[in-house]
């Protein structure tokens, strides 16, 4: 039981960090690439294609 608690306590902050990092990365890519990247974002997902 303790290993699942540790897993949960470690995975939730890690997933939050990855999500926040992805948001900042998309903002940076938008600033650098502009409208072509915005069009790319409309046709693709942030993490896993067709899921997220």
C-alpha atoms as a PDB file:
ATOM      1  CA  UNK A   1       0.000   0.000   0.000  1.00  0.00           C
ATOM      2  CA  UNK A   2       2.806   2.415   0.798  1.00  0.00           C
ATOM      3  CA  UNK A   3       4.313   2.088  -2.667  1.00  0.00           C
ATOM      4  CA  UNK A   4       1.022   3.259  -4.249  1.00  0.00           C
ATOM      5  CA  UNK A   5       0.915   6.260  -1.946  1.00  0.00           C
ATOM      6  CA  UNK A   6       4.489   7.159  -2.847  1.00  0.00           C
ATOM      7  CA  UNK A   7       3.722   6.619  -6.532  1.00  0.00           C
ATOM      8  CA  UNK A   8       0.717   8.932  -6.307  1.00  0.00           C
ATOM      9  CA  UNK A   9       2.585  11.584  -4.375  1.00  0.00           C
ATOM     10  CA  UNK A  10       5.370  11.594  -6.949  1.00  0.00           C
ATOM     11  CA  UNK A  11       3.326  11.267 -10.117  1.00  0.00           C
ATOM     12  CA  UNK A  12       0.807  14.065  -9.525  1.00  0.00           C
ATOM     13  CA  UNK A  13       3.418  16.847  -9.169  1.00  0.00           C
ATOM     14  CA  UNK A  14       5.391  15.382 -12.086  1.00  0.00           C
ATOM     15  CA  UNK A  15       2.350  15.429 -14.370  1.00  0.00           C
ATOM     16  CA  UNK A  16       1.503  18.973 -13.291  1.00  0.00           C
ATOM     17  CA  UNK A  17       5.076  20.069 -14.016  1.00  0.00           C
ATOM     18  CA  UNK A  18       4.997  18.462 -17.487  1.00  0.00           C
ATOM     19  CA  UNK A  19       1.675  20.112 -18.300  1.00  0.00           C
ATOM     20  CA  UNK A  20       2.848  23.560 -17.183  1.00  0.00           C
ATOM     21  CA  UNK A  21       6.107  23.116 -19.097  1.00  0.00           C
ATOM     22  CA  UNK A  22       4.147  22.201 -22.239  1.00  0.00           C
ATOM     23  CA  UNK A  23       2.016  25.335 -21.919  1.00  0.00           C
ATOM     24  CA  UNK A  24       5.095  27.555 -21.656  1.00  0.00           C
ATOM     25  CA  UNK A  25       6.726  25.702 -24.555  1.00  0.00           C
ATOM     26  CA  UNK A  26       3.693  26.316 -26.760  1.00  0.00           C
ATOM     27  CA  UNK A  27       3.767  30.027 -25.893  1.00  0.00           C
ATOM     28  CA  UNK A  28       7.450  30.162 -26.777  1.00  0.00           C
ATOM     29  CA  UNK A  29       6.867  28.353 -30.073  1.00  0.00           C
ATOM     30  CA  UNK A  30       4.016  30.724 -30.910  1.00  0.00           C
ATOM     31  CA  UNK A  31       6.263  33.714 -30.279  1.00  0.00           C
ATOM     32  CA  UNK A  32       9.024  32.254 -32.451  1.00  0.00           C
ATOM     33  CA  UNK A  33       7.085  30.627 -35.327  1.00  0.00           C
ATOM     34  CA  UNK A  34       3.909  32.727 -35.265  1.00  0.00           C
ATOM     35  CA  UNK A  35       0.862  31.884 -37.351  1.00  0.00           C
ATOM     36  CA  UNK A  36       2.252  28.688 -38.942  1.00  0.00           C
ATOM     37  CA  UNK A  37       2.637  27.203 -35.464  1.00  0.00           C
ATOM     38  CA  UNK A  38      -0.881  28.291 -34.504  1.00  0.00           C
ATOM     39  CA  UNK A  39      -2.172  26.421 -37.564  1.00  0.00           C
ATOM     40  CA  UNK A  40      -0.104  23.392 -36.570  1.00  0.00           C
ATOM     41  CA  UNK A  41      -1.623  23.496 -33.067  1.00  0.00           C
ATOM     42  CA  UNK A  42      -5.111  23.286 -34.580  1.00  0.00           C
ATOM     43  CA  UNK A  43      -4.256  20.022 -36.333  1.00  0.00           C
ATOM     44  CA  UNK A  44      -2.323  18.321 -33.530  1.00  0.00           C
ATOM     45  CA  UNK A  45      -2.721  17.549 -29.833  1.00  0.00           C
ATOM     46  CA  UNK A  46      -0.451  18.698 -27.034  1.00  0.00           C
ATOM     47  CA  UNK A  47       0.770  15.295 -25.794  1.00  0.00           C
ATOM     48  CA  UNK A  48      -0.518  12.075 -27.334  1.00  0.00           C
ATOM     49  CA  UNK A  49      -1.958  12.289 -30.858  1.00  0.00           C
ATOM     50  CA  UNK A  50      -5.728  11.775 -30.956  1.00  0.00           C
ATOM     51  CA  UNK A  51      -5.957  11.653 -27.142  1.00  0.00           C
ATOM     52  CA  UNK A  52      -4.735  14.787 -25.326  1.00  0.00           C
END
